[in-house]
Amino acid sequence: MSLRDPNPVSKQARKRIAIVLANPATSTTTGWPVGFWWSELTHPYYAFVEAGYEVELFSPRGGACQGDAMSDPRDASGYSEHDLISMGFVPTPSWCS
């Protein structure tokens, strides 16, 4: 690694990372709908892509993925409103299918 080429990953043989996201479900404790936590996806995803890795998203049962509302920076609760990385990622339409 050097300052000239800070990406230690070979561009000819890019390393791949799989991130597994939870399928939408219902909490057995609260009865509320739950999904994956946005920052648990977006922060590592951003770091891996910036480092030159190819990242693929999967879910255990396949199909659509849905973020937990409390982790969405746009949620009315304001719980995650400070998460700028997730906020930049949320409107990307093709991130999971």
N, C-alpha and C. Protein backbone atom coordinates (compact mmCIF):
# COMPACT_ATOMS: atom_id res chain seq x y z
N MET A 1 0.85 -1.18 0.00
CA MET A 1 0.00 0.00 0.00
C MET A 1 0.89 1.23 0.00
N SER A 2 0.54 2.21 -0.80
CA SER A 2 1.28 3.46 -0.83
C SER A 2 0.30 4.61 -0.98
N LEU A 3 0.79 5.81 -0.81
CA LEU A 3 -0.07 6.97 -0.97
C LEU A 3 -0.48 7.17 -2.43
N ARG A 4 0.35 6.68 -3.34
CA ARG A 4 0.01 6.80 -4.76
C ARG A 4 -1.16 5.91 -5.14
N ASP A 5 -1.20 4.71 -4.57
CA ASP A 5 -2.27 3.77 -4.85
C ASP A 5 -2.81 3.24 -3.51
N PRO A 6 -3.72 4.00 -2.89
CA PRO A 6 -4.20 3.59 -1.57
C PRO A 6 -5.11 2.36 -1.61
N ASN A 7 -5.44 1.87 -2.79
CA ASN A 7 -6.30 0.70 -2.89
C ASN A 7 -5.43 -0.56 -3.02
N PRO A 8 -5.31 -1.35 -1.95
CA PRO A 8 -4.47 -2.54 -2.01
C PRO A 8 -5.12 -3.70 -2.76
N VAL A 9 -6.36 -3.54 -3.18
CA VAL A 9 -7.07 -4.60 -3.88
C VAL A 9 -6.71 -4.54 -5.36
N SER A 10 -6.38 -5.68 -5.93
CA SER A 10 -6.04 -5.75 -7.34
C SER A 10 -7.27 -5.46 -8.19
N LYS A 11 -7.15 -4.53 -9.12
CA LYS A 11 -8.26 -4.22 -10.01
C LYS A 11 -8.53 -5.35 -10.99
N GLN A 12 -7.53 -6.18 -11.25
CA GLN A 12 -7.72 -7.30 -12.16
C GLN A 12 -8.46 -8.45 -11.48
N ALA A 13 -8.31 -8.59 -10.19
CA ALA A 13 -8.96 -9.67 -9.44
C ALA A 13 -9.60 -9.07 -8.20
N ARG A 14 -10.65 -8.28 -8.42
CA ARG A 14 -11.31 -7.63 -7.29
C ARG A 14 -11.86 -8.65 -6.31
N LYS A 15 -11.70 -8.37 -5.07
CA LYS A 15 -12.24 -9.25 -4.04
C LYS A 15 -13.72 -8.94 -3.87
N ARG A 16 -14.47 -9.95 -3.50
CA ARG A 16 -15.92 -9.80 -3.40
C ARG A 16 -16.37 -10.01 -1.96
N ILE A 17 -17.40 -9.28 -1.59
CA ILE A 17 -17.97 -9.38 -0.25
C ILE A 17 -19.47 -9.56 -0.39
N ALA A 18 -20.02 -10.49 0.37
CA ALA A 18 -21.46 -10.70 0.40
C ALA A 18 -21.99 -10.17 1.73
N ILE A 19 -23.01 -9.34 1.66
CA ILE A 19 -23.68 -8.85 2.86
C ILE A 19 -25.08 -9.45 2.86
N VAL A 20 -25.44 -10.09 3.96
CA VAL A 20 -26.75 -10.72 4.07
C VAL A 20 -27.65 -9.83 4.91
N LEU A 21 -28.79 -9.46 4.34
CA LEU A 21 -29.77 -8.60 4.99
C LEU A 21 -30.95 -9.43 5.48
N ALA A 22 -31.50 -9.07 6.61
CA ALA A 22 -32.68 -9.76 7.12
C ALA A 22 -33.87 -9.50 6.23
N ASN A 23 -34.67 -10.53 6.04
CA ASN A 23 -35.95 -10.35 5.35
C ASN A 23 -36.91 -9.62 6.28
N PRO A 24 -37.89 -8.92 5.72
CA PRO A 24 -38.88 -8.28 6.57
C PRO A 24 -39.57 -9.31 7.46
N ALA A 25 -39.86 -8.91 8.69
CA ALA A 25 -40.50 -9.82 9.65
C ALA A 25 -41.34 -8.99 10.61
N THR A 26 -41.92 -9.66 11.57
CA THR A 26 -42.68 -9.01 12.62
C THR A 26 -42.03 -9.36 13.95
N SER A 27 -41.75 -8.37 14.76
CA SER A 27 -41.13 -8.59 16.06
C SER A 27 -42.05 -9.43 16.94
N THR A 28 -41.49 -10.49 17.52
CA THR A 28 -42.28 -11.32 18.44
C THR A 28 -42.49 -10.62 19.78
N THR A 29 -41.69 -9.60 20.06
CA THR A 29 -41.82 -8.86 21.31
C THR A 29 -42.85 -7.75 21.22
N THR A 30 -42.74 -6.94 20.16
CA THR A 30 -43.61 -5.76 20.04
C THR A 30 -44.77 -5.94 19.06
N GLY A 31 -44.63 -6.88 18.13
CA GLY A 31 -45.64 -7.05 17.08
C GLY A 31 -45.48 -6.07 15.94
N TRP A 32 -44.41 -5.26 15.98
CA TRP A 32 -44.15 -4.26 14.95
C TRP A 32 -43.38 -4.88 13.79
N PRO A 33 -43.53 -4.33 12.58
CA PRO A 33 -42.71 -4.80 11.47
C PRO A 33 -41.25 -4.39 11.69
N VAL A 34 -40.35 -5.29 11.37
CA VAL A 34 -38.91 -5.02 11.51
C VAL A 34 -38.19 -5.45 10.24
N GLY A 35 -37.02 -4.88 10.04
CA GLY A 35 -36.17 -5.23 8.91
C GLY A 35 -34.72 -5.08 9.31
N PHE A 36 -33.85 -4.98 8.33
CA PHE A 36 -32.43 -4.80 8.65
C PHE A 36 -32.21 -3.38 9.16
N TRP A 37 -31.11 -3.18 9.89
CA TRP A 37 -30.76 -1.86 10.42
C TRP A 37 -29.91 -1.16 9.37
N TRP A 38 -30.38 0.02 8.91
CA TRP A 38 -29.72 0.72 7.80
C TRP A 38 -28.22 0.91 8.00
N SER A 39 -27.81 1.42 9.13
CA SER A 39 -26.38 1.71 9.30
C SER A 39 -25.52 0.45 9.32
N GLU A 40 -26.10 -0.69 9.69
CA GLU A 40 -25.34 -1.95 9.65
C GLU A 40 -25.08 -2.39 8.22
N LEU A 41 -25.87 -1.89 7.29
CA LEU A 41 -25.62 -2.14 5.87
C LEU A 41 -24.78 -1.03 5.26
N THR A 42 -25.19 0.21 5.42
CA THR A 42 -24.61 1.31 4.65
C THR A 42 -23.18 1.65 5.03
N HIS A 43 -22.86 1.61 6.30
CA HIS A 43 -21.51 2.00 6.71
C HIS A 43 -20.45 1.00 6.21
N PRO A 44 -20.63 -0.31 6.42
CA PRO A 44 -19.66 -1.24 5.85
C PRO A 44 -19.67 -1.23 4.32
N TYR A 45 -20.87 -1.15 3.72
CA TYR A 45 -20.97 -1.12 2.26
C TYR A 45 -20.11 0.01 1.70
N TYR A 46 -20.27 1.19 2.25
CA TYR A 46 -19.52 2.36 1.79
C TYR A 46 -18.02 2.12 1.95
N ALA A 47 -17.61 1.62 3.10
CA ALA A 47 -16.18 1.39 3.34
C ALA A 47 -15.62 0.35 2.37
N PHE A 48 -16.35 -0.73 2.14
CA PHE A 48 -15.87 -1.77 1.23
C PHE A 48 -15.76 -1.26 -0.21
N VAL A 49 -16.77 -0.57 -0.69
CA VAL A 49 -16.75 -0.05 -2.07
C VAL A 49 -15.62 0.97 -2.23
N GLU A 50 -15.45 1.84 -1.26
CA GLU A 50 -14.37 2.82 -1.32
C GLU A 50 -13.00 2.14 -1.35
N ALA A 51 -12.88 0.97 -0.74
CA ALA A 51 -11.62 0.23 -0.73
C ALA A 51 -11.44 -0.62 -1.98
N GLY A 52 -12.44 -0.61 -2.88
CA GLY A 52 -12.30 -1.31 -4.15
C GLY A 52 -12.93 -2.69 -4.20
N TYR A 53 -13.65 -3.07 -3.19
CA TYR A 53 -14.29 -4.37 -3.19
C TYR A 53 -15.60 -4.34 -3.98
N GLU A 54 -15.96 -5.48 -4.52
CA GLU A 54 -17.26 -5.66 -5.15
C GLU A 54 -18.20 -6.20 -4.08
N VAL A 55 -19.31 -5.52 -3.85
CA VAL A 55 -20.22 -5.91 -2.78
C VAL A 55 -21.55 -6.37 -3.37
N GLU A 56 -22.02 -7.52 -2.92
CA GLU A 56 -23.32 -8.03 -3.34
C GLU A 56 -24.20 -8.19 -2.11
N LEU A 57 -25.49 -7.89 -2.27
CA LEU A 57 -26.45 -7.98 -1.18
C LEU A 57 -27.36 -9.19 -1.39
N PHE A 58 -27.61 -9.90 -0.30
CA PHE A 58 -28.46 -11.08 -0.34
C PHE A 58 -29.39 -11.07 0.87
N SER A 59 -30.46 -11.83 0.77
CA SER A 59 -31.33 -12.05 1.92
C SER A 59 -31.54 -13.55 2.05
N PRO A 60 -31.75 -14.05 3.27
CA PRO A 60 -31.86 -15.50 3.45
C PRO A 60 -32.96 -16.15 2.62
N ARG A 61 -34.11 -15.50 2.48
CA ARG A 61 -35.21 -16.08 1.72
C ARG A 61 -35.35 -15.48 0.33
N GLY A 62 -34.42 -14.61 -0.06
CA GLY A 62 -34.53 -13.95 -1.34
C GLY A 62 -35.62 -12.89 -1.30
N GLY A 63 -35.83 -12.24 -2.41
CA GLY A 63 -36.90 -11.25 -2.48
C GLY A 63 -36.50 -9.91 -1.92
N ALA A 64 -37.49 -9.08 -1.73
CA ALA A 64 -37.26 -7.70 -1.30
C ALA A 64 -36.70 -7.62 0.11
N CYS A 65 -35.93 -6.59 0.33
CA CYS A 65 -35.38 -6.30 1.64
C CYS A 65 -35.99 -4.98 2.11
N GLN A 66 -36.18 -4.85 3.39
CA GLN A 66 -36.76 -3.62 3.90
C GLN A 66 -36.03 -3.22 5.17
N GLY A 67 -35.63 -1.95 5.22
CA GLY A 67 -34.96 -1.44 6.40
C GLY A 67 -35.93 -1.22 7.54
N ASP A 68 -35.44 -1.36 8.75
CA ASP A 68 -36.25 -1.08 9.93
C ASP A 68 -36.56 0.41 9.97
N ALA A 69 -37.80 0.76 10.23
CA ALA A 69 -38.21 2.17 10.20
C ALA A 69 -37.40 3.03 11.17
N MET A 70 -37.10 2.52 12.35
CA MET A 70 -36.35 3.31 13.34
C MET A 70 -34.94 3.64 12.86
N SER A 71 -34.40 2.84 11.95
CA SER A 71 -33.04 3.09 11.47
C SER A 71 -33.02 3.97 10.22
N ASP A 72 -34.20 4.28 9.68
CA ASP A 72 -34.29 5.12 8.49
C ASP A 72 -34.13 6.58 8.92
N PRO A 73 -33.15 7.30 8.37
CA PRO A 73 -32.92 8.69 8.78
C PRO A 73 -34.10 9.62 8.49
N ARG A 74 -35.02 9.18 7.64
CA ARG A 74 -36.20 10.01 7.32
C ARG A 74 -37.37 9.73 8.26
N ASP A 75 -37.25 8.75 9.14
CA ASP A 75 -38.36 8.38 10.02
C ASP A 75 -38.73 9.53 10.94
N ALA A 76 -40.02 9.69 11.17
CA ALA A 76 -40.53 10.79 12.00
C ALA A 76 -40.00 10.78 13.43
N SER A 77 -39.57 9.62 13.91
CA SER A 77 -39.04 9.53 15.28
C SER A 77 -37.75 10.33 15.44
N GLY A 78 -37.01 10.51 14.34
CA GLY A 78 -35.74 11.22 14.40
C GLY A 78 -34.62 10.40 15.02
N TYR A 79 -34.88 9.11 15.30
CA TYR A 79 -33.89 8.26 15.98
C TYR A 79 -32.56 8.19 15.22
N SER A 80 -32.60 8.10 13.91
CA SER A 80 -31.37 7.96 13.12
C SER A 80 -31.14 9.13 12.18
N GLU A 81 -31.73 10.28 12.47
CA GLU A 81 -31.64 11.42 11.55
C GLU A 81 -30.22 11.92 11.35
N HIS A 82 -29.31 11.60 12.23
CA HIS A 82 -27.92 12.05 12.13
C HIS A 82 -27.08 11.18 11.17
N ASP A 83 -27.64 10.06 10.70
CA ASP A 83 -26.89 9.10 9.89
C ASP A 83 -26.84 9.52 8.42
N LEU A 84 -25.87 10.34 8.09
CA LEU A 84 -25.76 10.88 6.74
C LEU A 84 -25.38 9.84 5.70
N ILE A 85 -24.62 8.84 6.09
CA ILE A 85 -24.25 7.79 5.14
C ILE A 85 -25.51 7.04 4.71
N SER A 86 -26.35 6.66 5.67
CA SER A 86 -27.59 5.96 5.32
C SER A 86 -28.51 6.87 4.52
N MET A 87 -28.56 8.13 4.87
CA MET A 87 -29.43 9.05 4.15
C MET A 87 -29.07 9.13 2.67
N GLY A 88 -27.79 9.06 2.36
CA GLY A 88 -27.36 9.06 0.97
C GLY A 88 -27.65 7.77 0.25
N PHE A 89 -27.80 6.69 1.00
CA PHE A 89 -28.00 5.37 0.43
C PHE A 89 -29.48 5.04 0.23
N VAL A 90 -30.34 5.50 1.12
CA VAL A 90 -31.76 5.15 1.11
C VAL A 90 -32.44 5.39 -0.23
N PRO A 91 -32.24 6.53 -0.91
CA PRO A 91 -32.99 6.76 -2.15
C PRO A 91 -32.45 6.03 -3.37
N THR A 92 -31.43 5.19 -3.20
CA THR A 92 -30.88 4.45 -4.34
C THR A 92 -31.82 3.29 -4.68
N PRO A 93 -32.50 3.33 -5.83
CA PRO A 93 -33.56 2.37 -6.11
C PRO A 93 -33.12 0.93 -6.35
N SER A 94 -31.92 0.70 -6.80
CA SER A 94 -31.54 -0.66 -7.20
C SER A 94 -30.64 -1.37 -6.20
N TRP A 95 -30.65 -0.96 -4.96
CA TRP A 95 -29.72 -1.54 -3.99
C TRP A 95 -30.06 -2.95 -3.61
N CYS A 96 -31.29 -3.36 -3.67
CA CYS A 96 -31.63 -4.75 -3.31
C CYS A 96 -32.87 -5.17 -4.08
N SER A 97 -32.80 -6.34 -4.65
CA SER A 97 -33.98 -6.87 -5.34
C SER A 97 -33.96 -8.38 -5.28
